[in-house]
C-alpha atoms as a PDB file:
ATOM      1  CA  MET A   1      14.382  12.522   1.374  1.00  0.00           C
ATOM      2  CA  LEU A   2      13.218   8.937   1.673  1.00  0.00           C
ATOM      3  CA  LEU A   3      12.205   7.089  -1.476  1.00  0.00           C
ATOM      4  CA  ALA A   4       9.613   4.503  -0.367  1.00  0.00           C
ATOM      5  CA  ILE A   5       8.639   1.785  -2.846  1.00  0.00           C
ATOM      6  CA  ASP A   6       5.753  -0.656  -2.319  1.00  0.00           C
ATOM      7  CA  VAL A   7       5.641  -3.350  -5.017  1.00  0.00           C
ATOM      8  CA  GLY A   8       2.382  -5.248  -5.418  1.00  0.00           C
ATOM      9  CA  ASN A   9       1.487  -7.971  -7.877  1.00  0.00           C
ATOM     10  CA  THR A  10      -0.516  -5.586 -10.071  1.00  0.00           C
ATOM     11  CA  GLU A  11       0.603  -2.084  -9.137  1.00  0.00           C
ATOM     12  CA  SER A  12       3.535  -0.436  -7.400  1.00  0.00           C
ATOM     13  CA  VAL A  13       3.313   2.713  -5.306  1.00  0.00           C
ATOM     14  CA  VAL A  14       6.257   5.082  -4.936  1.00  0.00           C
ATOM     15  CA  GLY A  15       6.416   7.877  -2.396  1.00  0.00           C
ATOM     16  CA  LEU A  16       8.934  10.573  -1.463  1.00  0.00           C
ATOM     17  CA  TYR A  17       9.103  11.500   2.237  1.00  0.00           C
ATOM     18  CA  ALA A  18      10.807  14.340   4.054  1.00  0.00           C
ATOM     19  CA  LEU A  19      13.111  12.773   6.643  1.00  0.00           C
ATOM     20  CA  SER A  20      14.404  15.862   8.451  1.00  0.00           C
ATOM     21  CA  ASP A  21      13.487  19.476   9.188  1.00  0.00           C
ATOM     22  CA  GLU A  22      15.650  20.558   6.256  1.00  0.00           C
ATOM     23  CA  ASP A  23      13.773  18.177   3.941  1.00  0.00           C
ATOM     24  CA  HIS A  24      10.467  19.567   5.207  1.00  0.00           C
ATOM     25  CA  ASP A  25      11.581  23.138   4.499  1.00  0.00           C
ATOM     26  CA  ASP A  26      12.861  22.262   1.027  1.00  0.00           C
ATOM     27  CA  ALA A  27       9.684  20.395   0.142  1.00  0.00           C
ATOM     28  CA  ASP A  28       7.451  23.209   1.393  1.00  0.00           C
ATOM     29  CA  GLU A  29       9.267  25.674  -0.867  1.00  0.00           C
ATOM     30  CA  ALA A  30       9.340  23.385  -3.893  1.00  0.00           C
ATOM     31  CA  GLU A  31       7.197  24.216  -6.896  1.00  0.00           C
ATOM     32  CA  PRO A  32       5.933  21.105  -8.728  1.00  0.00           C
ATOM     33  CA  ALA A  33       7.113  21.231 -12.332  1.00  0.00           C
ATOM     34  CA  GLY A  34       4.522  18.962 -13.885  1.00  0.00           C
ATOM     35  CA  VAL A  35       0.757  18.743 -13.939  1.00  0.00           C
ATOM     36  CA  GLY A  36       0.759  15.482 -11.981  1.00  0.00           C
ATOM     37  CA  ILE A  37       0.303  14.975  -8.267  1.00  0.00           C
ATOM     38  CA  GLY A  38       2.860  17.469  -6.983  1.00  0.00           C
ATOM     39  CA  VAL A  39       3.236  18.720  -3.422  1.00  0.00           C
ATOM     40  CA  GLU A  40       0.352  18.144  -1.013  1.00  0.00           C
ATOM     41  CA  ASN A  41      -0.381  18.837   2.634  1.00  0.00           C
ATOM     42  CA  HIS A  42      -0.910  15.132   3.141  1.00  0.00           C
ATOM     43  CA  PRO A  43      -2.148  13.868   6.533  1.00  0.00           C
ATOM     44  CA  LEU A  44       0.657  11.300   6.644  1.00  0.00           C
ATOM     45  CA  ARG A  45       3.697  13.075   8.040  1.00  0.00           C
ATOM     46  CA  GLY A  46       6.245  14.163   5.476  1.00  0.00           C
ATOM     47  CA  LEU A  47       4.746  12.537   2.345  1.00  0.00           C
ATOM     48  CA  ARG A  48       5.476  15.047  -0.406  1.00  0.00           C
ATOM     49  CA  TYR A  49       5.064  13.155  -3.668  1.00  0.00           C
ATOM     50  CA  HIS A  50       3.459   9.870  -4.637  1.00  0.00           C
ATOM     51  CA  TRP A  51       3.013   7.883  -7.833  1.00  0.00           C
ATOM     52  CA  ARG A  52       1.165   4.676  -8.787  1.00  0.00           C
ATOM     53  CA  LEU A  53       2.674   2.453 -11.503  1.00  0.00           C
ATOM     54  CA  SER A  54       2.089  -0.925 -13.134  1.00  0.00           C
ATOM     55  CA  SER A  55       4.287  -3.686 -11.694  1.00  0.00           C
ATOM     56  CA  VAL A  56       6.552  -5.169 -14.403  1.00  0.00           C
ATOM     57  CA  PRO A  57       8.387  -8.239 -13.049  1.00  0.00           C
ATOM     58  CA  ASP A  58      10.993  -8.453 -15.825  1.00  0.00           C
ATOM     59  CA  ARG A  59      12.090  -4.806 -15.602  1.00  0.00           C
ATOM     60  CA  THR A  60      15.893  -4.630 -15.282  1.00  0.00           C
ATOM     61  CA  PRO A  61      17.763  -2.753 -12.512  1.00  0.00           C
ATOM     62  CA  ASP A  62      18.786  -0.083 -15.016  1.00  0.00           C
ATOM     63  CA  GLU A  63      15.174   0.317 -16.152  1.00  0.00           C
ATOM     64  CA  HIS A  64      14.081   0.757 -12.532  1.00  0.00           C
ATOM     65  CA  ALA A  65      16.704   3.481 -12.110  1.00  0.00           C
ATOM     66  CA  MET A  66      15.636   5.212 -15.311  1.00  0.00           C
ATOM     67  CA  LEU A  67      11.951   5.147 -14.353  1.00  0.00           C
ATOM     68  CA  LEU A  68      12.563   6.513 -10.851  1.00  0.00           C
ATOM     69  CA  THR A  69      14.786   9.242 -12.285  1.00  0.00           C
ATOM     70  CA  GLN A  70      12.082  10.254 -14.754  1.00  0.00           C
ATOM     71  CA  LEU A  71       9.372  10.342 -12.065  1.00  0.00           C
ATOM     72  CA  LEU A  72      11.365  12.768  -9.939  1.00  0.00           C
ATOM     73  CA  ASP A  73      12.389  14.770 -12.987  1.00  0.00           C
ATOM     74  CA  LEU A  74       8.709  15.355 -13.824  1.00  0.00           C
ATOM     75  CA  GLU A  75       8.449  17.182 -10.501  1.00  0.00           C
ATOM     76  CA  GLY A  76      11.650  19.160 -11.067  1.00  0.00           C
ATOM     77  CA  LEU A  77      13.723  17.036  -8.663  1.00  0.00           C
ATOM     78  CA  ASP A  78      17.221  15.651  -9.214  1.00  0.00           C
ATOM     79  CA  ILE A  79      17.282  12.101  -7.906  1.00  0.00           C
ATOM     80  CA  ALA A  80      20.995  12.158  -7.018  1.00  0.00           C
ATOM     81  CA  SER A  81      20.672  15.154  -4.692  1.00  0.00           C
ATOM     82  CA  THR A  82      17.126  14.454  -3.463  1.00  0.00           C
ATOM     83  CA  VAL A  83      17.172  10.817  -2.313  1.00  0.00           C
ATOM     84  CA  SER A  84      19.001  10.225   0.974  1.00  0.00           C
ATOM     85  CA  GLY A  85      17.354   6.915   1.866  1.00  0.00           C
ATOM     86  CA  ILE A  86      15.438   4.055   0.231  1.00  0.00           C
ATOM     87  CA  ALA A  87      12.833   1.710   1.741  1.00  0.00           C
ATOM     88  CA  ILE A  88      11.353  -1.196  -0.214  1.00  0.00           C
ATOM     89  CA  CYS A  89       8.680  -3.801   0.400  1.00  0.00           C
ATOM     90  CA  SER A  90       7.785  -6.165  -2.386  1.00  0.00           C
ATOM     91  CA  SER A  91       5.398  -9.045  -2.984  1.00  0.00           C
ATOM     92  CA  VAL A  92       7.116  -9.904  -6.293  1.00  0.00           C
ATOM     93  CA  PRO A  93      10.462 -11.690  -5.739  1.00  0.00           C
ATOM     94  CA  SER A  94      11.920 -10.812  -9.163  1.00  0.00           C
ATOM     95  CA  MET A  95      11.170  -7.125  -8.587  1.00  0.00           C
ATOM     96  CA  THR A  96      12.616  -7.310  -5.079  1.00  0.00           C
ATOM     97  CA  THR A  97      15.871  -8.546  -6.580  1.00  0.00           C
ATOM     98  CA  GLY A  98      15.816  -5.942  -9.351  1.00  0.00           C
ATOM     99  CA  LEU A  99      15.189  -3.031  -6.987  1.00  0.00           C
ATOM    100  CA  ARG A 100      17.828  -4.260  -4.553  1.00  0.00           C
ATOM    101  CA  GLN A 101      20.336  -4.329  -7.429  1.00  0.00           C
ATOM    102  CA  THR A 102      19.196  -0.866  -8.512  1.00  0.00           C
ATOM    103  CA  ALA A 103      19.937   0.467  -5.032  1.00  0.00           C
ATOM    104  CA  GLN A 104      23.337  -1.269  -4.914  1.00  0.00           C
ATOM    105  CA  ARG A 105      24.427   0.031  -8.310  1.00  0.00           C
ATOM    106  CA  TRP A 106      22.938   3.518  -8.544  1.00  0.00           C
ATOM    107  CA  PHE A 107      22.559   4.477  -4.877  1.00  0.00           C
ATOM    108  CA  ALA A 108      25.490   2.678  -3.277  1.00  0.00           C
ATOM    109  CA  LYS A 109      26.063   5.435  -0.676  1.00  0.00           C
ATOM    110  CA  VAL A 110      22.390   5.704   0.268  1.00  0.00           C
ATOM    111  CA  PRO A 111      20.990   3.597   3.157  1.00  0.00           C
ATOM    112  CA  CYS A 112      18.516   1.019   1.824  1.00  0.00           C
ATOM    113  CA  VAL A 113      16.068  -1.056   3.897  1.00  0.00           C
ATOM    114  CA  VAL A 114      14.244  -3.967   2.254  1.00  0.00           C
ATOM    115  CA  VAL A 115      11.467  -5.241   4.528  1.00  0.00           C
ATOM    116  CA  GLY A 116      11.940  -8.928   5.252  1.00  0.00           C
ATOM    117  CA  PRO A 117      13.564 -11.359   7.698  1.00  0.00           C
ATOM    118  CA  GLY A 118      16.225  -9.668   9.799  1.00  0.00           C
ATOM    119  CA  VAL A 119      14.765  -6.166   9.452  1.00  0.00           C
ATOM    120  CA  LYS A 120      13.482  -4.559  12.653  1.00  0.00           C
ATOM    121  CA  SER A 121       9.796  -3.738  12.282  1.00  0.00           C
ATOM    122  CA  GLY A 122       9.306  -2.881  15.956  1.00  0.00           C
ATOM    123  CA  MET A 123       6.184  -5.084  15.947  1.00  0.00           C
ATOM    124  CA  PRO A 124       6.095  -8.613  17.421  1.00  0.00           C
ATOM    125  CA  ILE A 125       4.839 -11.039  14.741  1.00  0.00           C
ATOM    126  CA  LEU A 126       2.651 -13.738  16.317  1.00  0.00           C
ATOM    127  CA  TYR A 127       2.230 -15.801  13.123  1.00  0.00           C
ATOM    128  CA  ASP A 128       3.178 -19.479  13.508  1.00  0.00           C
ATOM    129  CA  ASP A 129       6.029 -18.797  11.072  1.00  0.00           C
ATOM    130  CA  PRO A 130       6.784 -15.025  10.973  1.00  0.00           C
ATOM    131  CA  ARG A 131       8.750 -15.490   7.734  1.00  0.00           C
ATOM    132  CA  GLU A 132       5.486 -16.303   5.927  1.00  0.00           C
ATOM    133  CA  VAL A 133       4.032 -12.839   6.504  1.00  0.00           C
ATOM    134  CA  GLY A 134       4.332 -10.688   3.376  1.00  0.00           C
ATOM    135  CA  PRO A 135       6.380  -7.513   3.776  1.00  0.00           C
ATOM    136  CA  ASP A 136       3.439  -5.371   2.620  1.00  0.00           C
ATOM    137  CA  ARG A 137       1.264  -6.868   5.371  1.00  0.00           C
ATOM    138  CA  ILE A 138       3.907  -5.993   7.958  1.00  0.00           C
ATOM    139  CA  ALA A 139       4.246  -2.439   6.604  1.00  0.00           C
ATOM    140  CA  ASN A 140       0.462  -2.011   6.657  1.00  0.00           C
ATOM    141  CA  ALA A 141       0.244  -3.173  10.258  1.00  0.00           C
ATOM    142  CA  VAL A 142       3.112  -0.925  11.354  1.00  0.00           C
ATOM    143  CA  GLY A 143       1.589   2.064   9.570  1.00  0.00           C
ATOM    144  CA  ALA A 144      -1.887   1.489  11.010  1.00  0.00           C
ATOM    145  CA  PHE A 145      -0.584   1.133  14.562  1.00  0.00           C
ATOM    146  CA  ARG A 146       1.495   4.305  14.199  1.00  0.00           C
ATOM    147  CA  LEU A 147      -1.512   6.298  12.948  1.00  0.00           C
ATOM    148  CA  TYR A 148      -4.380   4.824  14.979  1.00  0.00           C
ATOM    149  CA  GLY A 149      -2.935   2.622  17.688  1.00  0.00           C
ATOM    150  CA  GLY A 150      -4.548  -0.685  18.589  1.00  0.00           C
ATOM    151  CA  PRO A 151      -6.495  -2.779  18.453  1.00  0.00           C
ATOM    152  CA  SER A 152      -6.876  -2.117  14.749  1.00  0.00           C
ATOM    153  CA  LEU A 153      -7.617  -3.930  11.495  1.00  0.00           C
ATOM    154  CA  VAL A 154      -6.160  -3.230   8.074  1.00  0.00           C
ATOM    155  CA  VAL A 155      -8.053  -4.156   4.916  1.00  0.00           C
ATOM    156  CA  ASP A 156      -5.773  -3.959   1.877  1.00  0.00           C
ATOM    157  CA  MET A 157      -7.750  -4.168  -1.365  1.00  0.00           C
ATOM    158  CA  GLY A 158      -5.299  -5.054  -4.091  1.00  0.00           C
ATOM    159  CA  THR A 159      -4.708  -8.155  -6.204  1.00  0.00           C
ATOM    160  CA  ALA A 160      -5.731 -10.040  -3.088  1.00  0.00           C
ATOM    161  CA  THR A 161      -7.811  -8.558  -0.293  1.00  0.00           C
ATOM    162  CA  THR A 162      -5.882  -9.035   2.943  1.00  0.00           C
ATOM    163  CA  PHE A 163      -6.963  -8.468   6.528  1.00  0.00           C
ATOM    164  CA  GLU A 164      -4.410  -7.736   9.272  1.00  0.00           C
ATOM    165  CA  ALA A 165      -5.247  -7.741  12.976  1.00  0.00           C
ATOM    166  CA  ILE A 166      -3.132  -5.678  15.394  1.00  0.00           C
ATOM    167  CA  SER A 167      -3.531  -5.983  19.149  1.00  0.00           C
ATOM    168  CA  ALA A 168      -3.821  -3.141  21.661  1.00  0.00           C
ATOM    169  CA  ALA A 169      -0.180  -3.827  22.556  1.00  0.00           C
ATOM    170  CA  GLY A 170       0.966  -3.416  18.957  1.00  0.00           C
ATOM    171  CA  GLU A 171       1.368  -7.095  18.101  1.00  0.00           C
ATOM    172  CA  TYR A 172       0.694  -8.522  14.651  1.00  0.00           C
ATOM    173  CA  LEU A 173      -1.856 -11.253  15.343  1.00  0.00           C
ATOM    174  CA  GLY A 174      -2.506 -12.596  11.821  1.00  0.00           C
ATOM    175  CA  GLY A 175      -5.426 -12.138   9.489  1.00  0.00           C
ATOM    176  CA  ALA A 176      -7.182 -13.414   6.398  1.00  0.00           C
ATOM    177  CA  ILE A 177      -6.557 -13.470   2.628  1.00  0.00           C
ATOM    178  CA  THR A 178      -9.232 -13.568  -0.084  1.00  0.00           C
ATOM    179  CA  PRO A 179      -9.152 -13.170  -3.883  1.00  0.00           C
ATOM    180  CA  GLY A 180      -9.264  -9.497  -4.812  1.00  0.00           C
ATOM    181  CA  VAL A 181     -11.823  -7.610  -6.870  1.00  0.00           C
ATOM    182  CA  SER A 182      -9.812  -7.486 -10.096  1.00  0.00           C
ATOM    183  CA  ILE A 183      -8.780 -11.144 -10.271  1.00  0.00           C
ATOM    184  CA  SER A 184     -12.283 -12.258  -9.271  1.00  0.00           C
ATOM    185  CA  LEU A 185     -13.782 -10.225 -12.100  1.00  0.00           C
ATOM    186  CA  GLU A 186     -11.160 -11.421 -14.572  1.00  0.00           C
ATOM    187  CA  SER A 187     -11.961 -15.023 -13.703  1.00  0.00           C
ATOM    188  CA  LEU A 188     -15.682 -14.314 -14.096  1.00  0.00           C
ATOM    189  CA  PHE A 189     -15.252 -12.815 -17.563  1.00  0.00           C
ATOM    190  CA  GLN A 190     -12.952 -15.608 -18.708  1.00  0.00           C
ATOM    191  CA  HIS A 191     -15.361 -18.345 -17.683  1.00  0.00           C
ATOM    192  CA  ALA A 192     -18.692 -16.693 -18.513  1.00  0.00           C
ATOM    193  CA  ALA A 193     -18.795 -15.928 -22.233  1.00  0.00           C
ATOM    194  CA  ALA A 194     -22.032 -13.920 -22.039  1.00  0.00           C
ATOM    195  CA  LEU A 195     -20.690 -11.447 -19.456  1.00  0.00           C
ATOM    196  CA  ARG A 196     -18.732  -8.374 -20.435  1.00  0.00           C
ATOM    197  CA  ARG A 197     -16.588  -5.847 -18.601  1.00  0.00           C
ATOM    198  CA  VAL A 198     -18.462  -2.860 -17.180  1.00  0.00           C
ATOM    199  CA  GLU A 199     -17.582   0.410 -15.488  1.00  0.00           C
ATOM    200  CA  LEU A 200     -17.639  -0.055 -11.733  1.00  0.00           C
ATOM    201  CA  VAL A 201     -20.039   2.673 -10.612  1.00  0.00           C
ATOM    202  CA  GLU A 202     -22.959   2.537  -8.185  1.00  0.00           C
ATOM    203  CA  PRO A 203     -26.015   0.924  -9.810  1.00  0.00           C
ATOM    204  CA  ARG A 204     -29.511   2.355  -9.430  1.00  0.00           C
ATOM    205  CA  ASN A 205     -30.557  -0.524  -7.172  1.00  0.00           C
ATOM    206  CA  VAL A 206     -29.058  -3.511  -5.403  1.00  0.00           C
ATOM    207  CA  ILE A 207     -31.389  -5.597  -7.573  1.00  0.00           C
ATOM    208  CA  GLY A 208     -29.856  -4.937 -10.981  1.00  0.00           C
ATOM    209  CA  ARG A 209     -32.234  -4.458 -13.922  1.00  0.00           C
ATOM    210  CA  SER A 210     -29.563  -5.262 -16.511  1.00  0.00           C
ATOM    211  CA  THR A 211     -26.482  -7.460 -16.729  1.00  0.00           C
ATOM    212  CA  ALA A 212     -24.231  -4.424 -16.291  1.00  0.00           C
ATOM    213  CA  GLU A 213     -26.126  -3.280 -13.197  1.00  0.00           C
ATOM    214  CA  SER A 214     -26.125  -6.811 -11.797  1.00  0.00           C
ATOM    215  CA  ILE A 215     -22.330  -7.015 -12.106  1.00  0.00           C
ATOM    216  CA  GLN A 216     -21.927  -3.554 -10.560  1.00  0.00           C
ATOM    217  CA  SER A 217     -24.189  -4.527  -7.656  1.00  0.00           C
ATOM    218  CA  GLY A 218     -22.397  -7.819  -7.107  1.00  0.00           C
ATOM    219  CA  VAL A 219     -18.969  -6.207  -7.067  1.00  0.00           C
ATOM    220  CA  LEU A 220     -19.635  -3.057  -5.049  1.00  0.00           C
ATOM    221  CA  TYR A 221     -22.098  -4.432  -2.512  1.00  0.00           C
ATOM    222  CA  GLY A 222     -20.788  -7.989  -2.544  1.00  0.00           C
ATOM    223  CA  PHE A 223     -17.174  -7.132  -1.793  1.00  0.00           C
ATOM    224  CA  ALA A 224     -18.293  -4.493   0.726  1.00  0.00           C
ATOM    225  CA  ALA A 225     -20.326  -7.185   2.484  1.00  0.00           C
ATOM    226  CA  GLN A 226     -17.288  -9.476   2.453  1.00  0.00           C
ATOM    227  CA  VAL A 227     -15.199  -6.766   4.138  1.00  0.00           C
ATOM    228  CA  ASP A 228     -17.890  -6.113   6.740  1.00  0.00           C
ATOM    229  CA  GLY A 229     -18.428  -9.804   7.429  1.00  0.00           C
ATOM    230  CA  LEU A 230     -14.761 -10.619   7.983  1.00  0.00           C
ATOM    231  CA  CYS A 231     -14.129  -7.460  10.012  1.00  0.00           C
ATOM    232  CA  ARG A 232     -17.018  -8.308  12.326  1.00  0.00           C
ATOM    233  CA  ARG A 233     -15.791 -11.876  12.778  1.00  0.00           C
ATOM    234  CA  ILE A 234     -12.232 -10.706  13.498  1.00  0.00           C
ATOM    235  CA  LYS A 235     -13.526  -8.150  15.995  1.00  0.00           C
ATOM    236  CA  GLY A 236     -15.507 -10.960  17.613  1.00  0.00           C
ATOM    237  CA  GLU A 237     -12.327 -12.988  18.095  1.00  0.00           C
ATOM    238  CA  LEU A 238     -10.499  -9.943  19.442  1.00  0.00           C
ATOM    239  CA  GLY A 239     -13.327  -9.459  21.921  1.00  0.00           C
ATOM    240  CA  GLN A 240     -13.186  -5.667  21.646  1.00  0.00           C
ATOM    241  CA  GLN A 241     -13.756  -2.811  19.256  1.00  0.00           C
ATOM    242  CA  ALA A 242     -11.023  -2.070  16.735  1.00  0.00           C
ATOM    243  CA  THR A 243     -10.307   0.734  14.294  1.00  0.00           C
ATOM    244  CA  VAL A 244     -10.673  -0.484  10.697  1.00  0.00           C
ATOM    245  CA  VAL A 245      -8.334   1.096   8.137  1.00  0.00           C
ATOM    246  CA  ALA A 246      -8.724   0.423   4.397  1.00  0.00           C
ATOM    247  CA  THR A 247      -5.900   0.804   1.908  1.00  0.00           C
ATOM    248  CA  GLY A 248      -4.883  -0.473  -1.532  1.00  0.00           C
ATOM    249  CA  GLY A 249      -5.734   0.506  -5.082  1.00  0.00           C
ATOM    250  CA  LEU A 250      -9.420  -0.418  -4.780  1.00  0.00           C
ATOM    251  CA  ALA A 251     -10.078   0.851  -1.257  1.00  0.00           C
ATOM    252  CA  GLU A 252     -11.574   4.150  -2.397  1.00  0.00           C
ATOM    253  CA  LEU A 253     -13.944   2.232  -4.704  1.00  0.00           C
ATOM    254  CA  ILE A 254     -15.257  -0.294  -2.169  1.00  0.00           C
ATOM    255  CA  ALA A 255     -14.921   1.417   1.221  1.00  0.00           C
ATOM    256  CA  PRO A 256     -17.828   3.892   0.748  1.00  0.00           C
ATOM    257  CA  TYR A 257     -20.226   0.913   0.581  1.00  0.00           C
ATOM    258  CA  THR A 258     -18.964  -0.723   3.784  1.00  0.00           C
ATOM    259  CA  GLU A 259     -20.290  -0.263   7.302  1.00  0.00           C
ATOM    260  CA  THR A 260     -17.146  -1.184   9.259  1.00  0.00           C
ATOM    261  CA  VAL A 261     -14.351   0.846   7.611  1.00  0.00           C
ATOM    262  CA  ASP A 262     -13.416   3.865   9.733  1.00  0.00           C
ATOM    263  CA  HIS A 263     -10.597   5.359   7.671  1.00  0.00           C
ATOM    264  CA  VAL A 264      -9.300   5.107   4.095  1.00  0.00           C
ATOM    265  CA  GLU A 265      -5.515   5.581   3.818  1.00  0.00           C
ATOM    266  CA  PRO A 266      -4.352   5.082   0.212  1.00  0.00           C
ATOM    267  CA  TRP A 267      -0.676   5.457   1.204  1.00  0.00           C
ATOM    268  CA  LEU A 268      -0.729   3.381   4.404  1.00  0.00           C
ATOM    269  CA  THR A 269       1.942   0.939   3.188  1.00  0.00           C
ATOM    270  CA  LEU A 270       4.286   3.840   2.439  1.00  0.00           C
ATOM    271  CA  GLU A 271       3.739   5.192   5.954  1.00  0.00           C
ATOM    272  CA  GLY A 272       4.657   1.788   7.388  1.00  0.00           C
ATOM    273  CA  LEU A 273       7.751   1.711   5.196  1.00  0.00           C
ATOM    274  CA  ARG A 274       8.807   5.109   6.537  1.00  0.00           C
ATOM    275  CA  VAL A 275       8.437   3.900  10.116  1.00  0.00           C
ATOM    276  CA  VAL A 276      10.396   0.694   9.461  1.00  0.00           C
ATOM    277  CA  TYR A 277      13.160   2.676   7.736  1.00  0.00           C
ATOM    278  CA  GLU A 278      13.481   5.050  10.682  1.00  0.00           C
ATOM    279  CA  ARG A 279      13.630   2.115  13.123  1.00  0.00           C
ATOM    280  CA  ASN A 280      16.522   0.600  11.170  1.00  0.00           C
ATOM    281  CA  VAL A 281      18.424   3.660   9.956  1.00  0.00           C
ATOM    282  CA  GLY A 282      17.141   6.698  11.843  1.00  0.00           C
ATOM    283  CA  ALA A 283      14.876   9.636  11.034  1.00  0.00           C
ATOM    284  CA  GLY A 284      17.612  12.022  10.004  1.00  0.00           C
ATOM    285  CA  ALA A 285      19.761   9.662   7.918  1.00  0.00           C
END
């Protein structure tokens, strides 16, 4: 099975994919050992298990190996016999290095693809300098085009909120980057002594009747309006309708308040990683 790892600045997402018919059969028969996520009939092909973790930049290669082993062990899986391929995309250089060393030391016989320069994505990158495009943005674009075709837009709501535009021909056109929900709120609380952290739930009204409600309104409706505004402007430049796909840790919080998001795919980056792996190694490796 393919171990797909998406490392973000705040959180990392790990997924386990069936790569062959045998993997599909084994996964269908597997009984999850823990009370966690377990086996699901997920709409993304072959995704059997997934986990969301905090990103820790100074974690050593051995610590990465230990953590991955424990995650699979919670589901009753032996990592040595289960993992037949590894795919990694990372926005944190120190973690990229650590995970690459983990693969070299503990999974030396297992094919490993790290998304970056020299790796075949199968998608033309029309950025002025393609090397500037983050590997997660490439994986998102590849995953969205595989699932929904083009033209399409990806809105990834993580530490930053990124927008990726994909043409009808499957070309990565570029996009936009804005500060994300979490870092915007953190900056607000650090610089406004009278404001406190609140639970992000829907307020009674857009016009808040308390400080807590005002913050909730500003975050939920304000960031939703930002998504809608940028998506409409990008569609205007494309000159045609496009499917809008939201992903990232905060997508399920913000997307319900938008008007332009068509689909929410929490594991879109993992799907893109799977596609890139298969284009470089093969589906049955």
